[in-house]
Amino acid sequence: MGTMLGWIAGFYQSSAGIHPLYHFPDDFEENVGIANLKGALYEHPYREFLDFQDAEDEKPDKLSFVLEANGWFSTLKRDLEEFRTYWPGFTPLEPIH
């Protein structure tokens, strides 16, 4: 059971890597402004995303793309805050680079 729980937690944590995250300001939900957002991994995550799409794939507009990334970021942030209420002081290992 412990191995399965560890695998699920690791999978969830590593799946954050497939979501192109931006550096979202704390008030992003109140003031949605996408023009000055900086990428966390890439300078222009939306452009990077478009470069890897097939020509026939339906592509979201930039606002939809950014809002989806913010939804993932908000969920991850909330999950970490809730986790810390049950395991205060827990520090996850840094990903291997």
PDB file of N, CA and C in Angstrom:
ATOM      1  N   MET A   1       0.826  -1.197   0.000  1.00  0.00           N
ATOM      2  CA  MET A   1       0.000   0.000   0.000  1.00  0.00           C
ATOM      3  C   MET A   1       0.870   1.261   0.000  1.00  0.00           C
ATOM      4  N   GLY A   2       1.931   1.252   0.805  1.00  0.00           N
ATOM      5  CA  GLY A   2       2.824   2.410   0.864  1.00  0.00           C
ATOM      6  C   GLY A   2       3.502   2.679  -0.465  1.00  0.00           C
ATOM      7  N   THR A   3       3.890   1.602  -1.163  1.00  0.00           N
ATOM      8  CA  THR A   3       4.529   1.753  -2.469  1.00  0.00           C
ATOM      9  C   THR A   3       3.557   2.374  -3.466  1.00  0.00           C
ATOM     10  N   MET A   4       2.321   1.916  -3.442  1.00  0.00           N
ATOM     11  CA  MET A   4       1.314   2.460  -4.353  1.00  0.00           C
ATOM     12  C   MET A   4       1.058   3.930  -4.062  1.00  0.00           C
ATOM     13  N   LEU A   5       0.947   4.278  -2.806  1.00  0.00           N
ATOM     14  CA  LEU A   5       0.737   5.678  -2.430  1.00  0.00           C
ATOM     15  C   LEU A   5       1.908   6.536  -2.883  1.00  0.00           C
ATOM     16  N   GLY A   6       3.121   6.036  -2.693  1.00  0.00           N
ATOM     17  CA  GLY A   6       4.312   6.765  -3.141  1.00  0.00           C
ATOM     18  C   GLY A   6       4.337   6.940  -4.643  1.00  0.00           C
ATOM     19  N   TRP A   7       3.939   5.885  -5.376  1.00  0.00           N
ATOM     20  CA  TRP A   7       3.916   5.971  -6.826  1.00  0.00           C
ATOM     21  C   TRP A   7       2.903   7.013  -7.282  1.00  0.00           C
ATOM     22  N   ILE A   8       1.713   7.001  -6.696  1.00  0.00           N
ATOM     23  CA  ILE A   8       0.668   7.965  -7.071  1.00  0.00           C
ATOM     24  C   ILE A   8       1.128   9.383  -6.762  1.00  0.00           C
ATOM     25  N   ALA A   9       1.714   9.585  -5.583  1.00  0.00           N
ATOM     26  CA  ALA A   9       2.188  10.928  -5.213  1.00  0.00           C
ATOM     27  C   ALA A   9       3.292  11.389  -6.149  1.00  0.00           C
ATOM     28  N   GLY A  10       4.211  10.487  -6.481  1.00  0.00           N
ATOM     29  CA  GLY A  10       5.294  10.844  -7.398  1.00  0.00           C
ATOM     30  C   GLY A  10       4.788  11.160  -8.787  1.00  0.00           C
ATOM     31  N   PHE A  11       3.819  10.376  -9.252  1.00  0.00           N
ATOM     32  CA  PHE A  11       3.237  10.626 -10.571  1.00  0.00           C
ATOM     33  C   PHE A  11       2.548  11.982 -10.603  1.00  0.00           C
ATOM     34  N   TYR A  12       1.790  12.290  -9.560  1.00  0.00           N
ATOM     35  CA  TYR A  12       1.091  13.570  -9.481  1.00  0.00           C
ATOM     36  C   TYR A  12       2.092  14.729  -9.486  1.00  0.00           C
ATOM     37  N   GLN A  13       3.146  14.582  -8.699  1.00  0.00           N
ATOM     38  CA  GLN A  13       4.149  15.644  -8.612  1.00  0.00           C
ATOM     39  C   GLN A  13       4.866  15.826  -9.945  1.00  0.00           C
ATOM     40  N   SER A  14       5.228  14.727 -10.596  1.00  0.00           N
ATOM     41  CA  SER A  14       5.965  14.835 -11.854  1.00  0.00           C
ATOM     42  C   SER A  14       5.084  15.300 -13.001  1.00  0.00           C
ATOM     43  N   SER A  15       3.768  15.100 -12.889  1.00  0.00           N
ATOM     44  CA  SER A  15       2.881  15.540 -13.970  1.00  0.00           C
ATOM     45  C   SER A  15       2.841  17.060 -14.070  1.00  0.00           C
ATOM     46  N   ALA A  16       3.285  17.754 -13.044  1.00  0.00           N
ATOM     47  CA  ALA A  16       3.361  19.221 -13.118  1.00  0.00           C
ATOM     48  C   ALA A  16       4.317  19.658 -14.221  1.00  0.00           C
ATOM     49  N   GLY A  17       5.289  18.802 -14.543  1.00  0.00           N
ATOM     50  CA  GLY A  17       6.254  19.131 -15.580  1.00  0.00           C
ATOM     51  C   GLY A  17       5.677  19.214 -16.976  1.00  0.00           C
ATOM     52  N   ILE A  18       4.532  18.594 -17.201  1.00  0.00           N
ATOM     53  CA  ILE A  18       3.948  18.655 -18.538  1.00  0.00           C
ATOM     54  C   ILE A  18       3.069  19.883 -18.726  1.00  0.00           C
ATOM     55  N   HIS A  19       2.857  20.619 -17.663  1.00  0.00           N
ATOM     56  CA  HIS A  19       2.040  21.822 -17.746  1.00  0.00           C
ATOM     57  C   HIS A  19       2.947  23.045 -17.815  1.00  0.00           C
ATOM     58  N   PRO A  20       2.849  23.815 -18.879  1.00  0.00           N
ATOM     59  CA  PRO A  20       3.714  24.986 -18.998  1.00  0.00           C
ATOM     60  C   PRO A  20       3.285  26.070 -18.007  1.00  0.00           C
ATOM     61  N   LEU A  21       4.056  26.253 -16.984  1.00  0.00           N
ATOM     62  CA  LEU A  21       3.690  27.204 -15.946  1.00  0.00           C
ATOM     63  C   LEU A  21       4.292  28.575 -16.197  1.00  0.00           C
ATOM     64  N   TYR A  22       3.578  29.537 -15.776  1.00  0.00           N
ATOM     65  CA  TYR A  22       4.019  30.925 -15.797  1.00  0.00           C
ATOM     66  C   TYR A  22       4.282  31.357 -14.354  1.00  0.00           C
ATOM     67  N   HIS A  23       4.936  32.468 -14.212  1.00  0.00           N
ATOM     68  CA  HIS A  23       5.064  33.100 -12.898  1.00  0.00           C
ATOM     69  C   HIS A  23       3.823  33.978 -12.729  1.00  0.00           C
ATOM     70  N   PHE A  24       2.806  33.442 -12.054  1.00  0.00           N
ATOM     71  CA  PHE A  24       1.554  34.160 -11.885  1.00  0.00           C
ATOM     72  C   PHE A  24       1.645  35.081 -10.672  1.00  0.00           C
ATOM     73  N   PRO A  25       1.234  36.345 -10.829  1.00  0.00           N
ATOM     74  CA  PRO A  25       1.184  37.233  -9.657  1.00  0.00           C
ATOM     75  C   PRO A  25       0.073  36.781  -8.711  1.00  0.00           C
ATOM     76  N   ASP A  26       0.188  37.165  -7.446  1.00  0.00           N
ATOM     77  CA  ASP A  26      -0.790  36.748  -6.438  1.00  0.00           C
ATOM     78  C   ASP A  26      -2.204  37.196  -6.764  1.00  0.00           C
ATOM     79  N   ASP A  27      -2.356  38.314  -7.447  1.00  0.00           N
ATOM     80  CA  ASP A  27      -3.693  38.838  -7.756  1.00  0.00           C
ATOM     81  C   ASP A  27      -4.142  38.508  -9.176  1.00  0.00           C
ATOM     82  N   PHE A  28      -3.600  37.448  -9.767  1.00  0.00           N
ATOM     83  CA  PHE A  28      -3.913  37.129 -11.163  1.00  0.00           C
ATOM     84  C   PHE A  28      -5.400  36.896 -11.389  1.00  0.00           C
ATOM     85  N   GLU A  29      -6.069  36.208 -10.458  1.00  0.00           N
ATOM     86  CA  GLU A  29      -7.493  35.916 -10.642  1.00  0.00           C
ATOM     87  C   GLU A  29      -8.338  37.192 -10.666  1.00  0.00           C
ATOM     88  N   GLU A  30      -7.925  38.214  -9.927  1.00  0.00           N
ATOM     89  CA  GLU A  30      -8.672  39.475  -9.915  1.00  0.00           C
ATOM     90  C   GLU A  30      -8.304  40.372 -11.099  1.00  0.00           C
ATOM     91  N   ASN A  31      -7.053  40.305 -11.535  1.00  0.00           N
ATOM     92  CA  ASN A  31      -6.558  41.148 -12.624  1.00  0.00           C
ATOM     93  C   ASN A  31      -5.902  40.268 -13.680  1.00  0.00           C
ATOM     94  N   VAL A  32      -6.734  39.634 -14.498  1.00  0.00           N
ATOM     95  CA  VAL A  32      -6.200  38.731 -15.515  1.00  0.00           C
ATOM     96  C   VAL A  32      -5.548  39.568 -16.605  1.00  0.00           C
ATOM     97  N   GLY A  33      -4.230  39.573 -16.576  1.00  0.00           N
ATOM     98  CA  GLY A  33      -3.448  40.270 -17.591  1.00  0.00           C
ATOM     99  C   GLY A  33      -2.368  39.337 -18.086  1.00  0.00           C
ATOM    100  N   ILE A  34      -2.440  38.937 -19.347  1.00  0.00           N
ATOM    101  CA  ILE A  34      -1.507  37.927 -19.837  1.00  0.00           C
ATOM    102  C   ILE A  34      -0.339  38.528 -20.613  1.00  0.00           C
ATOM    103  N   ALA A  35      -0.395  39.818 -20.897  1.00  0.00           N
ATOM    104  CA  ALA A  35       0.636  40.423 -21.745  1.00  0.00           C
ATOM    105  C   ALA A  35       2.021  40.385 -21.106  1.00  0.00           C
ATOM    106  N   ASN A  36       2.117  40.550 -19.806  1.00  0.00           N
ATOM    107  CA  ASN A  36       3.427  40.643 -19.154  1.00  0.00           C
ATOM    108  C   ASN A  36       3.811  39.404 -18.354  1.00  0.00           C
ATOM    109  N   LEU A  37       3.104  38.302 -18.539  1.00  0.00           N
ATOM    110  CA  LEU A  37       3.453  37.081 -17.809  1.00  0.00           C
ATOM    111  C   LEU A  37       4.782  36.529 -18.303  1.00  0.00           C
ATOM    112  N   LYS A  38       5.574  36.057 -17.371  1.00  0.00           N
ATOM    113  CA  LYS A  38       6.860  35.437 -17.703  1.00  0.00           C
ATOM    114  C   LYS A  38       6.742  33.934 -17.511  1.00  0.00           C
ATOM    115  N   GLY A  39       7.331  33.195 -18.401  1.00  0.00           N
ATOM    116  CA  GLY A  39       7.314  31.749 -18.292  1.00  0.00           C
ATOM    117  C   GLY A  39       8.242  31.248 -17.210  1.00  0.00           C
ATOM    118  N   ALA A  40       7.878  30.120 -16.613  1.00  0.00           N
ATOM    119  CA  ALA A  40       8.704  29.538 -15.561  1.00  0.00           C
ATOM    120  C   ALA A  40       9.834  28.689 -16.155  1.00  0.00           C
ATOM    121  N   LEU A  41       9.542  27.936 -17.193  1.00  0.00           N
ATOM    122  CA  LEU A  41      10.552  27.084 -17.818  1.00  0.00           C
ATOM    123  C   LEU A  41      11.044  27.635 -19.151  1.00  0.00           C
ATOM    124  N   TYR A  42      10.140  28.230 -19.874  1.00  0.00           N
ATOM    125  CA  TYR A  42      10.458  28.808 -21.176  1.00  0.00           C
ATOM    126  C   TYR A  42      10.091  30.280 -21.150  1.00  0.00           C
ATOM    127  N   GLU A  43      10.757  31.046 -21.992  1.00  0.00           N
ATOM    128  CA  GLU A  43      10.446  32.472 -22.032  1.00  0.00           C
ATOM    129  C   GLU A  43       9.030  32.716 -22.554  1.00  0.00           C
ATOM    130  N   HIS A  44       8.626  31.935 -23.539  1.00  0.00           N
ATOM    131  CA  HIS A  44       7.293  32.070 -24.139  1.00  0.00           C
ATOM    132  C   HIS A  44       6.618  30.702 -24.212  1.00  0.00           C
ATOM    133  N   PRO A  45       6.006  30.244 -23.104  1.00  0.00           N
ATOM    134  CA  PRO A  45       5.414  28.899 -23.087  1.00  0.00           C
ATOM    135  C   PRO A  45       4.365  28.655 -24.165  1.00  0.00           C
ATOM    136  N   TYR A  46       3.555  29.657 -24.478  1.00  0.00           N
ATOM    137  CA  TYR A  46       2.509  29.459 -25.485  1.00  0.00           C
ATOM    138  C   TYR A  46       3.142  29.197 -26.856  1.00  0.00           C
ATOM    139  N   ARG A  47       4.161  29.959 -27.190  1.00  0.00           N
ATOM    140  CA  ARG A  47       4.850  29.763 -28.467  1.00  0.00           C
ATOM    141  C   ARG A  47       5.513  28.383 -28.509  1.00  0.00           C
ATOM    142  N   GLU A  48       6.128  27.977 -27.402  1.00  0.00           N
ATOM    143  CA  GLU A  48       6.734  26.645 -27.321  1.00  0.00           C
ATOM    144  C   GLU A  48       5.675  25.561 -27.534  1.00  0.00           C
ATOM    145  N   PHE A  49       4.510  25.745 -26.919  1.00  0.00           N
ATOM    146  CA  PHE A  49       3.406  24.799 -27.068  1.00  0.00           C
ATOM    147  C   PHE A  49       2.992  24.689 -28.534  1.00  0.00           C
ATOM    148  N   LEU A  50       2.832  25.834 -29.194  1.00  0.00           N
ATOM    149  CA  LEU A  50       2.419  25.826 -30.594  1.00  0.00           C
ATOM    150  C   LEU A  50       3.452  25.153 -31.492  1.00  0.00           C
ATOM    151  N   ASP A  51       4.740  25.308 -31.173  1.00  0.00           N
ATOM    152  CA  ASP A  51       5.796  24.704 -31.983  1.00  0.00           C
ATOM    153  C   ASP A  51       5.734  23.178 -31.979  1.00  0.00           C
ATOM    154  N   PHE A  52       5.174  22.576 -30.927  1.00  0.00           N
ATOM    155  CA  PHE A  52       5.128  21.125 -30.826  1.00  0.00           C
ATOM    156  C   PHE A  52       3.789  20.534 -31.244  1.00  0.00           C
ATOM    157  N   GLN A  53       2.878  21.351 -31.745  1.00  0.00           N
ATOM    158  CA  GLN A  53       1.574  20.859 -32.172  1.00  0.00           C
ATOM    159  C   GLN A  53       1.605  20.495 -33.646  1.00  0.00           C
ATOM    160  N   ASP A  54       0.840  19.464 -34.002  1.00  0.00           N
ATOM    161  CA  ASP A  54       0.699  19.103 -35.404  1.00  0.00           C
ATOM    162  C   ASP A  54      -0.171  20.143 -36.089  1.00  0.00           C
ATOM    163  N   ALA A  55      -0.002  20.278 -37.381  1.00  0.00           N
ATOM    164  CA  ALA A  55      -0.737  21.286 -38.145  1.00  0.00           C
ATOM    165  C   ALA A  55      -2.242  21.091 -38.048  1.00  0.00           C
ATOM    166  N   GLU A  56      -2.697  19.833 -37.978  1.00  0.00           N
ATOM    167  CA  GLU A  56      -4.142  19.577 -37.950  1.00  0.00           C
ATOM    168  C   GLU A  56      -4.741  19.640 -36.548  1.00  0.00           C
ATOM    169  N   ASP A  57      -3.912  19.759 -35.508  1.00  0.00           N
ATOM    170  CA  ASP A  57      -4.426  19.848 -34.137  1.00  0.00           C
ATOM    171  C   ASP A  57      -5.142  21.177 -33.908  1.00  0.00           C
ATOM    172  N   GLU A  58      -6.232  21.101 -33.161  1.00  0.00           N
ATOM    173  CA  GLU A  58      -6.932  22.328 -32.777  1.00  0.00           C
ATOM    174  C   GLU A  58      -6.107  23.019 -31.690  1.00  0.00           C
ATOM    175  N   LYS A  59      -5.834  24.280 -31.889  1.00  0.00           N
ATOM    176  CA  LYS A  59      -4.983  25.021 -30.963  1.00  0.00           C
ATOM    177  C   LYS A  59      -5.804  26.029 -30.162  1.00  0.00           C
ATOM    178  N   PRO A  60      -5.626  26.040 -28.840  1.00  0.00           N
ATOM    179  CA  PRO A  60      -6.344  27.027 -28.030  1.00  0.00           C
ATOM    180  C   PRO A  60      -5.759  28.420 -28.256  1.00  0.00           C
ATOM    181  N   ASP A  61      -6.579  29.433 -28.035  1.00  0.00           N
ATOM    182  CA  ASP A  61      -6.032  30.782 -28.100  1.00  0.00           C
ATOM    183  C   ASP A  61      -5.167  30.997 -26.856  1.00  0.00           C
ATOM    184  N   LYS A  62      -4.366  32.059 -26.865  1.00  0.00           N
ATOM    185  CA  LYS A  62      -3.408  32.276 -25.782  1.00  0.00           C
ATOM    186  C   LYS A  62      -4.097  32.440 -24.430  1.00  0.00           C
ATOM    187  N   LEU A  63      -5.220  33.156 -24.374  1.00  0.00           N
ATOM    188  CA  LEU A  63      -5.915  33.355 -23.111  1.00  0.00           C
ATOM    189  C   LEU A  63      -6.371  32.014 -22.525  1.00  0.00           C
ATOM    190  N   SER A  64      -6.965  31.152 -23.334  1.00  0.00           N
ATOM    191  CA  SER A  64      -7.400  29.827 -22.862  1.00  0.00           C
ATOM    192  C   SER A  64      -6.215  29.014 -22.368  1.00  0.00           C
ATOM    193  N   PHE A  65      -5.117  29.085 -23.087  1.00  0.00           N
ATOM    194  CA  PHE A  65      -3.902  28.363 -22.713  1.00  0.00           C
ATOM    195  C   PHE A  65      -3.380  28.830 -21.354  1.00  0.00           C
ATOM    196  N   VAL A  66      -3.332  30.154 -21.161  1.00  0.00           N
ATOM    197  CA  VAL A  66      -2.832  30.716 -19.907  1.00  0.00           C
ATOM    198  C   VAL A  66      -3.787  30.395 -18.757  1.00  0.00           C
ATOM    199  N   LEU A  67      -5.091  30.489 -18.995  1.00  0.00           N
ATOM    200  CA  LEU A  67      -6.056  30.194 -17.933  1.00  0.00           C
ATOM    201  C   LEU A  67      -6.002  28.727 -17.520  1.00  0.00           C
ATOM    202  N   GLU A  68      -5.772  27.827 -18.456  1.00  0.00           N
ATOM    203  CA  GLU A  68      -5.609  26.411 -18.105  1.00  0.00           C
ATOM    204  C   GLU A  68      -4.346  26.210 -17.266  1.00  0.00           C
ATOM    205  N   ALA A  69      -3.260  26.866 -17.649  1.00  0.00           N
ATOM    206  CA  ALA A  69      -2.023  26.779 -16.865  1.00  0.00           C
ATOM    207  C   ALA A  69      -2.234  27.344 -15.466  1.00  0.00           C
ATOM    208  N   ASN A  70      -2.992  28.436 -15.351  1.00  0.00           N
ATOM    209  CA  ASN A  70      -3.271  29.013 -14.040  1.00  0.00           C
ATOM    210  C   ASN A  70      -4.139  28.079 -13.203  1.00  0.00           C
ATOM    211  N   GLY A  71      -5.093  27.408 -13.835  1.00  0.00           N
ATOM    212  CA  GLY A  71      -5.919  26.444 -13.114  1.00  0.00           C
ATOM    213  C   GLY A  71      -5.066  25.323 -12.533  1.00  0.00           C
ATOM    214  N   TRP A  72      -4.124  24.814 -13.320  1.00  0.00           N
ATOM    215  CA  TRP A  72      -3.226  23.770 -12.821  1.00  0.00           C
ATOM    216  C   TRP A  72      -2.379  24.315 -11.672  1.00  0.00           C
ATOM    217  N   PHE A  73      -1.832  25.509 -11.852  1.00  0.00           N
ATOM    218  CA  PHE A  73      -0.996  26.133 -10.822  1.00  0.00           C
ATOM    219  C   PHE A  73      -1.791  26.339  -9.530  1.00  0.00           C
ATOM    220  N   SER A  74      -3.016  26.831  -9.630  1.00  0.00           N
ATOM    221  CA  SER A  74      -3.852  27.071  -8.451  1.00  0.00           C
ATOM    222  C   SER A  74      -4.188  25.774  -7.726  1.00  0.00           C
ATOM    223  N   THR A  75      -4.489  24.727  -8.487  1.00  0.00           N
ATOM    224  CA  THR A  75      -4.795  23.431  -7.888  1.00  0.00           C
ATOM    225  C   THR A  75      -3.577  22.865  -7.170  1.00  0.00           C
ATOM    226  N   LEU A  76      -2.426  22.941  -7.795  1.00  0.00           N
ATOM    227  CA  LEU A  76      -1.203  22.436  -7.184  1.00  0.00           C
ATOM    228  C   LEU A  76      -0.874  23.205  -5.905  1.00  0.00           C
ATOM    229  N   LYS A  77      -1.020  24.518  -5.957  1.00  0.00           N
ATOM    230  CA  LYS A  77      -0.753  25.362  -4.782  1.00  0.00           C
ATOM    231  C   LYS A  77      -1.710  25.011  -3.637  1.00  0.00           C
ATOM    232  N   ARG A  78      -2.996  24.855  -3.944  1.00  0.00           N
ATOM    233  CA  ARG A  78      -3.981  24.498  -2.930  1.00  0.00           C
ATOM    234  C   ARG A  78      -3.698  23.120  -2.341  1.00  0.00           C
ATOM    235  N   ASP A  79      -3.349  22.171  -3.209  1.00  0.00           N
ATOM    236  CA  ASP A  79      -3.037  20.823  -2.734  1.00  0.00           C
ATOM    237  C   ASP A  79      -1.841  20.826  -1.787  1.00  0.00           C
ATOM    238  N   LEU A  80      -0.818  21.598  -2.112  1.00  0.00           N
ATOM    239  CA  LEU A  80       0.357  21.669  -1.240  1.00  0.00           C
ATOM    240  C   LEU A  80       0.016  22.301   0.105  1.00  0.00           C
ATOM    241  N   GLU A  81      -0.824  23.338   0.091  1.00  0.00           N
ATOM    242  CA  GLU A  81      -1.240  23.973   1.347  1.00  0.00           C
ATOM    243  C   GLU A  81      -2.041  22.995   2.203  1.00  0.00           C
ATOM    244  N   GLU A  82      -2.958  22.261   1.590  1.00  0.00           N
ATOM    245  CA  GLU A  82      -3.748  21.276   2.331  1.00  0.00           C
ATOM    246  C   GLU A  82      -2.866  20.148   2.857  1.00  0.00           C
ATOM    247  N   PHE A  83      -1.902  19.721   2.057  1.00  0.00           N
ATOM    248  CA  PHE A  83      -1.007  18.664   2.480  1.00  0.00           C
ATOM    249  C   PHE A  83      -0.215  19.082   3.724  1.00  0.00           C
ATOM    250  N   ARG A  84       0.219  20.324   3.743  1.00  0.00           N
ATOM    251  CA  ARG A  84       1.011  20.811   4.878  1.00  0.00           C
ATOM    252  C   ARG A  84       0.198  20.885   6.164  1.00  0.00           C
ATOM    253  N   THR A  85      -1.119  20.945   6.071  1.00  0.00           N
ATOM    254  CA  THR A  85      -1.918  20.926   7.305  1.00  0.00           C
ATOM    255  C   THR A  85      -1.858  19.546   7.952  1.00  0.00           C
ATOM    256  N   TYR A  86      -1.675  18.490   7.134  1.00  0.00           N
ATOM    257  CA  TYR A  86      -1.609  17.131   7.658  1.00  0.00           C
ATOM    258  C   TYR A  86      -0.183  16.675   7.944  1.00  0.00           C
ATOM    259  N   TRP A  87       0.784  17.302   7.281  1.00  0.00           N
ATOM    260  CA  TRP A  87       2.175  16.925   7.483  1.00  0.00           C
ATOM    261  C   TRP A  87       3.019  18.194   7.532  1.00  0.00           C
ATOM    262  N   PRO A  88       2.925  18.953   8.623  1.00  0.00           N
ATOM    263  CA  PRO A  88       3.691  20.200   8.726  1.00  0.00           C
ATOM    264  C   PRO A  88       5.195  19.910   8.714  1.00  0.00           C
ATOM    265  N   GLY A  89       5.905  20.780   8.059  1.00  0.00           N
ATOM    266  CA  GLY A  89       7.351  20.642   8.009  1.00  0.00           C
ATOM    267  C   GLY A  89       7.855  19.722   6.915  1.00  0.00           C
ATOM    268  N   PHE A  90       6.960  19.091   6.150  1.00  0.00           N
ATOM    269  CA  PHE A  90       7.380  18.203   5.067  1.00  0.00           C
ATOM    270  C   PHE A  90       8.047  19.010   3.971  1.00  0.00           C
ATOM    271  N   THR A  91       9.181  18.528   3.499  1.00  0.00           N
ATOM    272  CA  THR A  91       9.887  19.171   2.393  1.00  0.00           C
ATOM    273  C   THR A  91      10.103  18.130   1.308  1.00  0.00           C
ATOM    274  N   PRO A  92       9.473  18.316   0.147  1.00  0.00           N
ATOM    275  CA  PRO A  92       9.666  17.331  -0.920  1.00  0.00           C
ATOM    276  C   PRO A  92      11.084  17.421  -1.484  1.00  0.00           C
ATOM    277  N   LEU A  93      11.551  16.322  -2.034  1.00  0.00           N
ATOM    278  CA  LEU A  93      12.860  16.320  -2.693  1.00  0.00           C
ATOM    279  C   LEU A  93      12.783  17.159  -3.956  1.00  0.00           C
ATOM    280  N   GLU A  94      13.875  17.786  -4.274  1.00  0.00           N
ATOM    281  CA  GLU A  94      13.956  18.545  -5.526  1.00  0.00           C
ATOM    282  C   GLU A  94      14.002  17.567  -6.697  1.00  0.00           C
ATOM    283  N   PRO A  95      13.417  17.930  -7.840  1.00  0.00           N
ATOM    284  CA  PRO A  95      13.480  17.034  -8.985  1.00  0.00           C
ATOM    285  C   PRO A  95      14.924  16.891  -9.480  1.00  0.00           C
ATOM    286  N   ILE A  96      15.221  15.768 -10.046  1.00  0.00           N
ATOM    287  CA  ILE A  96      16.555  15.527 -10.601  1.00  0.00           C
ATOM    288  C   ILE A  96      16.657  16.269 -11.923  1.00  0.00           C
ATOM    289  N   HIS A  97      17.712  17.041 -12.066  1.00  0.00           N
ATOM    290  CA  HIS A  97      17.901  17.810 -13.303  1.00  0.00           C
ATOM    291  C   HIS A  97      18.954  17.131 -14.158  1.00  0.00           C
TER     292      HIS A  97
END
